[in-house]
């Protein structure tokens, strides 16, 4: 048994990161999934979604077949998120459902993985109250899923293997894409920012970049496989390369990936501290680097930003924001905002509202502060009542909705570039896709256009989506 330790997870050294190319192997004795099925439920960020794609590929190499209905699966995995308390509650609620299922089908194997597995408090609860859970592994050893699953199948004992360490880079992991035309591409892992509210540096390890040659090679292979859009992934993509190279950063990687000829490139998530003028130049230089930027601000109050450990001021954020608006053609900028951070006053919150009025973001993802055990903010005095937090969130969301609609209306009667991704779940006669500025659009057009980038005339604008017709 290997369990997590938050103090160990916090450590950062100058030790060289291991880049391992032959760590993942499937041997014949691991191919135990014949005539068996699996189901993975994923919570959280795009990184988790891509991790799930990897686990799907591993399970299928073991012989398992994907099952859409959890109740019918032989192996059930919950790939978890630790960002907010709500995610924790959902996972433990789901485990309650699965326990009842386990009573009816005692031979199913149930596992928990992802960021929650990296938390000491979660593992303590599993050891004390969820002894029926078969398998727990973390973010550092996804590649060992076949080994661990094989062990559980053979020994019929609970297996917990979670490492708290800075982390390695495991290359050549297989993955099965959910979308034929789009793909996630990890460019780096972990984070060293240690914002006071955030548990990611503890659950994902230190900031570590993949070699740019490996990333470009992966993109070139995706092009050959028919992919037209990629999203470069990292907890803080703007810091790419700082841990690996002296003179090669995110702007260089963006340019090299753009030169592969892939038709669409996105990247998330950006920290304002590391976003350079050169990156703005590259985005503007290459048409296939989409004019869409997710730039979390979290608060409009300098006092709260300092308490959050964000390392920038409201003024410096606005300066960067203005550069993007002025220099990147047709740019769409979205953000994240936390309300009710410990000590946030009405004055602090009004500073956030003022910033939002000034920026008029295309969209924002807004959250009530959620304390995470082990982070500095969890020890701060939280003197904002729950009712105040909810009321502030509602007021902020009024602004979000107002400017989302205003932004969408600017596209009325204009022609936009759209990747058609599939058929609408609500109407089989309508196609759905995303514009080059990452806006959801419902489209009237021929189904033969699925997987293609087409010109669409916008004929209606709503708060959360657009309607259009293929020209």
Protein backbone atom coordinates (compact mmCIF):
# COMPACT_ATOMS: atom_id res chain seq x y z
CA UNK A 1 0.00 0.00 0.00
CA UNK A 2 1.29 3.45 -0.96
CA UNK A 3 -0.63 6.45 0.40
CA UNK A 4 -0.34 10.21 -0.26
CA UNK A 5 1.37 12.79 1.93
CA UNK A 6 0.57 16.49 1.46
CA UNK A 7 3.92 17.65 2.87
CA UNK A 8 5.78 15.46 0.41
CA UNK A 9 3.53 16.65 -2.41
CA UNK A 10 4.46 20.26 -1.63
CA UNK A 11 8.21 19.74 -1.96
CA UNK A 12 10.02 21.23 -4.94
CA UNK A 13 13.66 20.42 -5.76
CA UNK A 14 16.03 21.02 -8.64
CA UNK A 15 16.08 17.32 -9.44
CA UNK A 16 15.91 16.56 -13.14
CA UNK A 17 12.55 15.27 -14.35
CA UNK A 18 12.64 11.74 -15.75
CA UNK A 19 11.20 11.48 -19.26
CA UNK A 20 10.34 7.80 -19.68
CA UNK A 21 9.51 6.29 -23.06
CA UNK A 22 9.19 2.58 -22.22
CA UNK A 23 7.43 2.65 -18.87
CA UNK A 24 4.05 1.47 -20.17
CA UNK A 25 3.76 -2.15 -21.26
CA UNK A 26 0.94 -4.66 -21.68
CA UNK A 27 1.99 -8.28 -21.19
CA UNK A 28 -0.08 -11.33 -22.09
CA UNK A 29 -0.92 -12.07 -18.45
CA UNK A 30 -2.55 -8.62 -18.23
CA UNK A 31 -5.03 -9.37 -21.01
CA UNK A 32 -7.77 -10.37 -18.60
CA UNK A 33 -10.67 -8.41 -20.08
CA UNK A 34 -12.00 -10.83 -22.67
CA UNK A 35 -15.83 -10.84 -22.65
CA UNK A 36 -15.78 -8.17 -19.93
CA UNK A 37 -16.77 -4.50 -19.99
CA UNK A 38 -15.64 -1.26 -18.36
CA UNK A 39 -17.18 2.11 -17.56
CA UNK A 40 -15.30 5.29 -16.57
CA UNK A 41 -17.05 8.30 -15.07
CA UNK A 42 -14.99 11.49 -15.39
CA UNK A 43 -15.14 14.60 -13.23
CA UNK A 44 -13.27 17.88 -13.65
CA UNK A 45 -10.94 19.44 -16.18
CA UNK A 46 -9.78 18.70 -19.71
CA UNK A 47 -6.66 17.04 -18.30
CA UNK A 48 -8.92 14.53 -16.56
CA UNK A 49 -10.85 13.95 -19.79
CA UNK A 50 -7.62 13.18 -21.60
CA UNK A 51 -6.47 10.90 -18.75
CA UNK A 52 -9.72 8.99 -19.19
CA UNK A 53 -9.02 8.60 -22.91
CA UNK A 54 -5.69 7.01 -21.94
CA UNK A 55 -7.28 4.65 -19.45
CA UNK A 56 -9.86 3.62 -22.04
CA UNK A 57 -7.07 2.64 -24.42
CA UNK A 58 -5.24 0.68 -21.73
CA UNK A 59 -8.37 -1.22 -20.73
CA UNK A 60 -9.16 -2.07 -24.33
CA UNK A 61 -5.60 -3.33 -24.83
CA UNK A 62 -6.35 -5.59 -21.86
CA UNK A 63 -9.35 -6.94 -23.76
CA UNK A 64 -12.17 -5.00 -22.08
CA UNK A 65 -15.01 -3.41 -24.08
CA UNK A 66 -16.46 -0.01 -23.24
CA UNK A 67 -19.94 -0.05 -21.69
CA UNK A 68 -22.19 3.02 -21.69
CA UNK A 69 -24.26 1.81 -18.75
CA UNK A 70 -22.37 1.75 -15.45
CA UNK A 71 -24.82 -0.79 -14.01
CA UNK A 72 -23.77 -3.37 -16.61
CA UNK A 73 -19.97 -2.92 -16.41
CA UNK A 74 -17.49 -5.40 -14.93
CA UNK A 75 -14.99 -2.65 -14.10
CA UNK A 76 -16.07 0.81 -12.90
CA UNK A 77 -13.57 3.65 -12.50
CA UNK A 78 -14.25 7.13 -11.14
CA UNK A 79 -11.69 9.63 -12.45
CA UNK A 80 -12.00 12.40 -9.91
CA UNK A 81 -11.46 16.14 -9.42
CA UNK A 82 -10.29 17.87 -6.24
CA UNK A 83 -10.80 21.53 -7.16
CA UNK A 84 -14.07 22.08 -5.30
CA UNK A 85 -16.02 20.48 -2.48
CA UNK A 86 -18.98 19.93 -4.81
CA UNK A 87 -16.88 17.52 -6.89
CA UNK A 88 -15.96 15.58 -3.73
CA UNK A 89 -19.60 15.29 -2.72
CA UNK A 90 -20.63 14.05 -6.16
CA UNK A 91 -17.98 11.34 -6.11
CA UNK A 92 -18.88 10.07 -2.65
CA UNK A 93 -22.55 10.16 -3.62
CA UNK A 94 -21.73 8.06 -6.69
CA UNK A 95 -19.73 5.63 -4.56
CA UNK A 96 -22.85 5.17 -2.43
CA UNK A 97 -24.80 4.18 -5.54
CA UNK A 98 -22.05 1.83 -6.65
CA UNK A 99 -21.94 0.15 -3.23
CA UNK A 100 -25.60 -0.83 -3.65
CA UNK A 101 -24.77 -2.11 -7.14
CA UNK A 102 -21.86 -4.07 -5.69
CA UNK A 103 -24.24 -5.83 -3.28
CA UNK A 104 -26.17 -7.15 -6.29
CA UNK A 105 -23.07 -7.86 -8.39
CA UNK A 106 -20.27 -8.76 -5.96
CA UNK A 107 -17.74 -9.62 -8.69
CA UNK A 108 -17.48 -6.16 -10.23
CA UNK A 109 -14.23 -4.26 -9.68
CA UNK A 110 -14.55 -0.64 -8.53
CA UNK A 111 -11.72 1.89 -8.61
CA UNK A 112 -11.11 5.54 -7.78
CA UNK A 113 -8.36 7.56 -9.44
CA UNK A 114 -7.44 11.13 -10.34
CA UNK A 115 -6.87 14.14 -8.10
CA UNK A 116 -9.07 13.11 -5.16
CA UNK A 117 -6.92 10.00 -4.78
CA UNK A 118 -3.94 12.30 -4.11
CA UNK A 119 -5.57 13.76 -0.96
CA UNK A 120 -4.69 12.33 2.44
CA UNK A 121 -8.17 13.00 3.85
CA UNK A 122 -9.80 11.06 1.03
CA UNK A 123 -7.51 8.05 1.41
CA UNK A 124 -8.10 8.05 5.19
CA UNK A 125 -11.85 7.94 4.58
CA UNK A 126 -11.47 5.14 2.04
CA UNK A 127 -9.36 3.06 4.43
CA UNK A 128 -11.79 3.60 7.32
CA UNK A 129 -15.20 3.60 5.65
CA UNK A 130 -14.85 2.24 2.10
CA UNK A 131 -12.99 -0.99 2.59
CA UNK A 132 -15.10 -2.55 -0.16
CA UNK A 133 -13.45 -0.28 -2.78
CA UNK A 134 -11.04 -2.41 -4.79
CA UNK A 135 -8.55 -0.04 -6.37
CA UNK A 136 -7.18 3.46 -5.75
CA UNK A 137 -4.41 5.09 -7.78
CA UNK A 138 -3.35 8.67 -8.40
CA UNK A 139 -2.26 11.05 -11.12
CA UNK A 140 1.38 9.93 -11.20
CA UNK A 141 0.83 6.26 -12.03
CA UNK A 142 -2.02 6.10 -14.56
CA UNK A 143 0.31 4.05 -16.75
CA UNK A 144 0.23 1.30 -14.11
CA UNK A 145 -3.53 0.72 -14.43
CA UNK A 146 -3.10 -2.66 -16.19
CA UNK A 147 -0.65 -3.87 -13.52
CA UNK A 148 -2.84 -2.73 -10.64
CA UNK A 149 -6.07 -4.07 -12.14
CA UNK A 150 -4.39 -7.41 -12.72
CA UNK A 151 -3.24 -7.49 -9.09
CA UNK A 152 -6.73 -6.72 -7.79
CA UNK A 153 -8.27 -9.40 -10.01
CA UNK A 154 -5.77 -11.96 -8.78
CA UNK A 155 -5.53 -11.15 -5.05
CA UNK A 156 -9.09 -9.95 -4.39
CA UNK A 157 -7.68 -7.42 -1.92
CA UNK A 158 -7.91 -3.63 -1.77
CA UNK A 159 -5.05 -2.04 -3.70
CA UNK A 160 -4.02 1.56 -2.91
CA UNK A 161 -1.08 2.97 -4.83
CA UNK A 162 -0.79 6.76 -4.67
CA UNK A 163 2.51 8.62 -4.94
CA UNK A 164 3.17 12.11 -3.56
CA UNK A 165 6.12 13.27 -5.60
CA UNK A 166 7.27 15.92 -8.02
CA UNK A 167 6.50 13.61 -10.91
CA UNK A 168 7.91 12.15 -14.11
CA UNK A 169 6.82 12.41 -17.73
CA UNK A 170 5.55 9.14 -19.15
CA UNK A 171 5.60 9.17 -22.94
CA UNK A 172 4.00 6.84 -25.49
CA UNK A 173 0.78 6.24 -23.56
CA UNK A 174 -2.08 5.16 -25.82
CA UNK A 175 -5.38 7.03 -25.92
CA UNK A 176 -8.74 6.65 -27.62
CA UNK A 177 -10.24 9.98 -28.65
CA UNK A 178 -13.87 10.73 -27.88
CA UNK A 179 -13.95 12.90 -31.00
CA UNK A 180 -12.65 11.84 -34.43
CA UNK A 181 -11.78 15.38 -35.46
CA UNK A 182 -10.49 16.93 -32.21
CA UNK A 183 -7.79 15.92 -29.78
CA UNK A 184 -6.24 16.96 -26.49
CA UNK A 185 -2.44 17.18 -26.47
CA UNK A 186 -0.64 17.41 -23.14
CA UNK A 187 2.33 19.77 -23.33
CA UNK A 188 3.16 19.90 -19.62
CA UNK A 189 2.07 18.61 -16.24
CA UNK A 190 1.81 20.01 -12.72
CA UNK A 191 2.07 23.52 -11.36
CA UNK A 192 4.46 25.51 -9.16
CA UNK A 193 2.32 28.61 -8.64
CA UNK A 194 0.79 27.46 -5.32
CA UNK A 195 -2.17 29.86 -5.34
CA UNK A 196 -3.37 29.72 -1.75
CA UNK A 197 -6.78 28.23 -2.58
CA UNK A 198 -5.61 25.64 -5.11
CA UNK A 199 -4.81 22.00 -4.47
CA UNK A 200 -3.54 21.23 -8.00
CA UNK A 201 0.20 21.67 -7.19
CA UNK A 202 -0.25 18.98 -4.53
CA UNK A 203 -2.30 16.56 -6.66
CA UNK A 204 -0.48 16.97 -9.99
CA UNK A 205 3.11 17.53 -8.92
CA UNK A 206 5.66 20.08 -10.02
CA UNK A 207 5.68 21.94 -13.31
CA UNK A 208 7.29 19.73 -15.95
CA UNK A 209 7.29 20.16 -19.72
CA UNK A 210 7.34 17.55 -22.45
CA UNK A 211 10.05 17.83 -25.09
CA UNK A 212 8.83 19.96 -27.98
CA UNK A 213 9.94 17.29 -30.46
CA UNK A 214 7.59 14.76 -28.83
CA UNK A 215 4.69 17.22 -28.91
CA UNK A 216 5.20 18.13 -32.58
CA UNK A 217 5.51 14.46 -33.50
CA UNK A 218 2.23 13.71 -31.74
CA UNK A 219 0.49 16.54 -33.61
CA UNK A 220 1.85 15.32 -36.95
CA UNK A 221 0.50 11.84 -36.24
CA UNK A 222 -2.89 13.29 -35.30
CA UNK A 223 -3.03 15.14 -38.62
CA UNK A 224 -2.42 11.84 -40.42
CA UNK A 225 -5.31 10.38 -38.41
CA UNK A 226 -7.74 13.04 -39.64
CA UNK A 227 -7.68 15.42 -36.65
CA UNK A 228 -8.36 19.05 -37.60
CA UNK A 229 -8.33 20.69 -34.13
CA UNK A 230 -6.07 20.22 -31.14
CA UNK A 231 -6.08 21.76 -27.67
CA UNK A 232 -2.68 22.08 -26.00
CA UNK A 233 -3.16 21.19 -22.32
CA UNK A 234 -1.41 22.15 -19.12
CA UNK A 235 -2.22 23.52 -15.68
CA UNK A 236 -0.34 26.67 -16.77
CA UNK A 237 0.52 26.40 -20.46
CA UNK A 238 2.20 29.82 -20.60
CA UNK A 239 5.00 28.51 -18.41
CA UNK A 240 5.79 25.77 -20.92
CA UNK A 241 9.52 25.13 -21.33
CA UNK A 242 10.75 27.18 -18.36
CA UNK A 243 11.71 24.02 -16.51
CA UNK A 244 13.30 22.34 -19.54
CA UNK A 245 14.90 24.93 -21.84
CA UNK A 246 16.81 28.18 -21.60
CA UNK A 247 15.55 29.77 -24.81
CA UNK A 248 12.40 27.91 -25.81
CA UNK A 249 8.99 28.79 -24.42
CA UNK A 250 5.28 28.66 -25.17
CA UNK A 251 5.59 31.14 -28.05
CA UNK A 252 8.16 28.87 -29.73
CA UNK A 253 6.03 25.78 -29.23
CA UNK A 254 2.94 27.54 -30.58
CA UNK A 255 4.85 28.50 -33.71
CA UNK A 256 6.28 25.02 -34.25
CA UNK A 257 2.85 23.43 -33.81
CA UNK A 258 1.30 26.01 -36.15
CA UNK A 259 3.88 25.09 -38.80
CA UNK A 260 2.67 21.47 -38.81
CA UNK A 261 -0.38 22.70 -40.72
CA UNK A 262 -2.97 21.47 -38.21
CA UNK A 263 -6.06 23.51 -39.04
CA UNK A 264 -6.98 24.66 -35.53
CA UNK A 265 -4.95 25.16 -32.34
CA UNK A 266 -6.30 26.09 -28.92
CA UNK A 267 -4.49 26.14 -25.58
CA UNK A 268 -5.62 26.10 -21.93
CA UNK A 269 -5.15 27.19 -19.22
CA UNK A 270 -3.22 30.46 -19.15
CA UNK A 271 -1.92 32.21 -16.05
CA UNK A 272 -1.70 36.00 -16.55
CA UNK A 273 1.74 36.08 -14.96
CA UNK A 274 3.41 34.14 -17.79
CA UNK A 275 1.57 35.47 -20.85
CA UNK A 276 4.17 37.24 -23.03
CA UNK A 277 3.98 39.84 -25.79
CA UNK A 278 5.64 37.30 -28.06
CA UNK A 279 2.75 34.89 -27.53
CA UNK A 280 0.35 37.60 -28.65
CA UNK A 281 2.46 38.11 -31.80
CA UNK A 282 2.39 34.38 -32.62
CA UNK A 283 -1.38 34.14 -32.12
CA UNK A 284 -1.83 37.02 -34.54
CA UNK A 285 0.73 35.69 -37.02
CA UNK A 286 -0.77 32.25 -37.60
CA UNK A 287 -4.37 31.83 -38.71
CA UNK A 288 -4.51 28.30 -37.30
CA UNK A 289 -3.80 29.53 -33.76
CA UNK A 290 -7.35 30.44 -32.82
CA UNK A 291 -8.14 33.88 -31.35
CA UNK A 292 -9.56 32.40 -28.17
CA UNK A 293 -7.89 32.88 -24.78
CA UNK A 294 -9.02 31.65 -21.38
CA UNK A 295 -7.38 34.00 -18.89
CA UNK A 296 -8.50 33.45 -15.27
CA UNK A 297 -8.53 36.64 -13.18
CA UNK A 298 -10.19 35.16 -10.04
CA UNK A 299 -10.80 38.58 -8.42
CA UNK A 300 -10.79 42.28 -9.24
CA UNK A 301 -9.46 43.27 -5.82
CA UNK A 302 -5.70 43.68 -5.36
CA UNK A 303 -6.07 42.80 -1.68
CA UNK A 304 -7.82 39.52 -2.47
CA UNK A 305 -5.44 38.73 -5.33
CA UNK A 306 -2.56 39.04 -2.86
CA UNK A 307 -4.31 36.77 -0.36
CA UNK A 308 -4.89 34.30 -3.21
CA UNK A 309 -1.18 34.34 -4.09
CA UNK A 310 -1.92 35.22 -7.71
CA UNK A 311 1.27 37.32 -8.17
CA UNK A 312 -0.27 40.00 -10.36
CA UNK A 313 -2.32 43.12 -9.74
CA UNK A 314 -5.60 44.26 -11.20
CA UNK A 315 -3.68 46.90 -13.17
CA UNK A 316 -1.21 44.42 -14.70
CA UNK A 317 -4.09 42.09 -15.63
CA UNK A 318 -5.97 44.92 -17.34
CA UNK A 319 -2.81 45.95 -19.20
CA UNK A 320 -2.43 42.41 -20.58
CA UNK A 321 -6.14 42.18 -21.34
CA UNK A 322 -6.03 45.46 -23.29
CA UNK A 323 -3.05 44.26 -25.34
CA UNK A 324 -4.99 41.16 -26.34
CA UNK A 325 -8.10 43.11 -27.28
CA UNK A 326 -6.10 45.62 -29.30
CA UNK A 327 -3.59 43.30 -30.99
CA UNK A 328 -5.39 39.99 -31.63
CA UNK A 329 -7.96 40.12 -34.40
CA UNK A 330 -11.50 39.13 -33.34
CA UNK A 331 -10.21 37.79 -30.03
CA UNK A 332 -12.56 36.10 -27.58
CA UNK A 333 -11.46 36.19 -23.92
CA UNK A 334 -13.05 34.17 -21.13
CA UNK A 335 -12.15 34.00 -17.46
CA UNK A 336 -12.61 32.32 -14.06
CA UNK A 337 -13.79 34.20 -10.97
CA UNK A 338 -14.07 33.08 -7.34
CA UNK A 339 -16.48 34.89 -5.03
CA UNK A 340 -16.53 34.74 -1.25
CA UNK A 341 -12.81 34.16 -0.74
CA UNK A 342 -11.95 34.37 3.00
CA UNK A 343 -12.01 38.01 4.06
CA UNK A 344 -13.67 39.29 0.88
CA UNK A 345 -15.58 42.47 1.73
CA UNK A 346 -18.38 44.10 -0.21
CA UNK A 347 -15.80 46.62 -1.40
CA UNK A 348 -13.56 43.83 -2.68
CA UNK A 349 -16.45 42.24 -4.49
CA UNK A 350 -17.46 45.56 -6.07
CA UNK A 351 -13.92 45.81 -7.45
CA UNK A 352 -14.56 42.49 -9.20
CA UNK A 353 -17.82 43.79 -10.64
CA UNK A 354 -16.04 46.94 -11.87
CA UNK A 355 -13.35 44.85 -13.55
CA UNK A 356 -16.01 42.76 -15.24
CA UNK A 357 -17.78 45.89 -16.47
CA UNK A 358 -14.48 47.10 -17.88
CA UNK A 359 -13.44 43.86 -19.59
CA UNK A 360 -16.87 42.68 -20.77
CA UNK A 361 -15.60 39.10 -21.06
CA UNK A 362 -17.11 36.84 -23.69
CA UNK A 363 -17.90 34.38 -20.90
CA UNK A 364 -16.88 33.57 -17.35
CA UNK A 365 -16.89 30.47 -15.18
CA UNK A 366 -17.87 31.63 -11.71
CA UNK A 367 -17.60 29.78 -8.41
CA UNK A 368 -18.14 30.23 -4.71
CA UNK A 369 -14.87 29.71 -2.83
CA UNK A 370 -14.44 26.13 -1.71
CA UNK A 371 -11.82 25.37 0.99
CA UNK A 372 -9.44 22.51 0.22
CA UNK A 373 -7.78 20.73 3.14
CA UNK A 374 -4.03 21.33 3.17
CA UNK A 375 -4.04 24.63 1.30
CA UNK A 376 -3.10 27.93 3.03
CA UNK A 377 -6.51 29.49 2.32
CA UNK A 378 -8.26 26.69 4.22
CA UNK A 379 -6.61 28.03 7.39
CA UNK A 380 -7.75 31.63 6.79
CA UNK A 381 -10.69 33.04 8.71
CA UNK A 382 -13.76 32.74 6.47
CA UNK A 383 -16.06 35.51 7.66
CA UNK A 384 -18.27 35.70 4.55
CA UNK A 385 -21.63 34.03 5.18
CA UNK A 386 -23.01 31.45 2.78
CA UNK A 387 -25.96 33.71 1.98
CA UNK A 388 -23.58 36.57 1.12
CA UNK A 389 -21.56 34.30 -1.14
CA UNK A 390 -24.64 33.12 -3.00
CA UNK A 391 -25.96 36.66 -3.36
CA UNK A 392 -22.64 37.88 -4.75
CA UNK A 393 -22.48 34.99 -7.17
CA UNK A 394 -25.96 35.85 -8.44
CA UNK A 395 -25.01 39.50 -8.95
CA UNK A 396 -21.84 38.52 -10.78
CA UNK A 397 -23.70 36.07 -13.00
CA UNK A 398 -26.05 38.85 -14.06
CA UNK A 399 -22.99 40.60 -15.53
CA UNK A 400 -21.76 37.36 -17.08
CA UNK A 401 -25.07 36.76 -18.82
CA UNK A 402 -25.38 40.38 -19.95
CA UNK A 403 -22.00 40.52 -21.64
CA UNK A 404 -22.13 36.97 -23.01
CA UNK A 405 -25.28 37.95 -24.89
CA UNK A 406 -23.79 41.28 -25.93
CA UNK A 407 -20.69 39.50 -27.27
CA UNK A 408 -22.76 36.99 -29.22
CA UNK A 409 -24.97 39.70 -30.73
CA UNK A 410 -21.89 41.30 -32.29
CA UNK A 411 -21.74 38.27 -34.60
CA UNK A 412 -25.28 38.64 -35.94
CA UNK A 413 -25.40 38.49 -39.76
CA UNK A 414 -21.64 37.88 -39.88
CA UNK A 415 -19.91 34.88 -41.42
CA UNK A 416 -17.82 32.83 -39.00
CA UNK A 417 -15.54 29.82 -39.31
CA UNK A 418 -17.05 26.74 -37.64
CA UNK A 419 -15.87 23.19 -37.02
CA UNK A 420 -19.00 21.06 -37.35
CA UNK A 421 -18.73 18.42 -34.63
CA UNK A 422 -21.95 16.47 -34.77
CA UNK A 423 -25.72 16.35 -34.57
CA UNK A 424 -27.64 18.27 -31.92
CA UNK A 425 -28.96 16.14 -29.05
CA UNK A 426 -32.16 18.21 -29.09
CA UNK A 427 -32.86 18.13 -32.84
CA UNK A 428 -31.49 15.54 -35.26
CA UNK A 429 -31.96 18.00 -38.12
CA UNK A 430 -29.54 20.50 -36.57
CA UNK A 431 -25.75 20.28 -36.53
CA UNK A 432 -23.57 21.67 -33.75
CA UNK A 433 -20.07 23.07 -33.71
CA UNK A 434 -17.79 25.78 -32.39
CA UNK A 435 -16.64 29.00 -33.99
CA UNK A 436 -12.96 29.93 -34.15
CA UNK A 437 -13.65 32.04 -31.04
CA UNK A 438 -14.98 28.97 -29.18
CA UNK A 439 -18.66 29.89 -29.26
CA UNK A 440 -21.23 27.11 -29.47
CA UNK A 441 -23.33 27.35 -32.62
CA UNK A 442 -26.32 25.35 -33.86
CA UNK A 443 -26.27 25.07 -37.63
CA UNK A 444 -28.69 24.25 -40.42
CA UNK A 445 -26.73 22.24 -42.98
CA UNK A 446 -25.86 18.93 -44.57
CA UNK A 447 -24.60 16.15 -42.27
CA UNK A 448 -21.77 15.54 -44.74
CA UNK A 449 -20.15 18.63 -43.20
CA UNK A 450 -19.51 16.87 -39.87
CA UNK A 451 -15.78 17.00 -39.24
CA UNK A 452 -15.24 19.88 -41.63
CA UNK A 453 -14.49 23.55 -41.05
CA UNK A 454 -17.11 25.58 -42.91
CA UNK A 455 -18.34 29.16 -43.20
CA UNK A 456 -21.56 29.80 -41.33
CA UNK A 457 -23.73 32.90 -41.38
CA UNK A 458 -24.99 33.78 -37.89
CA UNK A 459 -28.76 34.41 -37.94
CA UNK A 460 -29.58 34.45 -34.21
CA UNK A 461 -27.68 35.15 -30.98
CA UNK A 462 -28.58 33.85 -27.53
CA UNK A 463 -26.77 34.10 -24.21
CA UNK A 464 -25.06 30.73 -24.43
CA UNK A 465 -25.15 29.90 -28.13
CA UNK A 466 -25.57 31.08 -31.71
CA UNK A 467 -27.74 29.85 -34.57
CA UNK A 468 -26.55 29.85 -38.15
CA UNK A 469 -26.77 28.52 -41.71
CA UNK A 470 -23.90 27.03 -43.72
CA UNK A 471 -23.13 29.29 -46.65
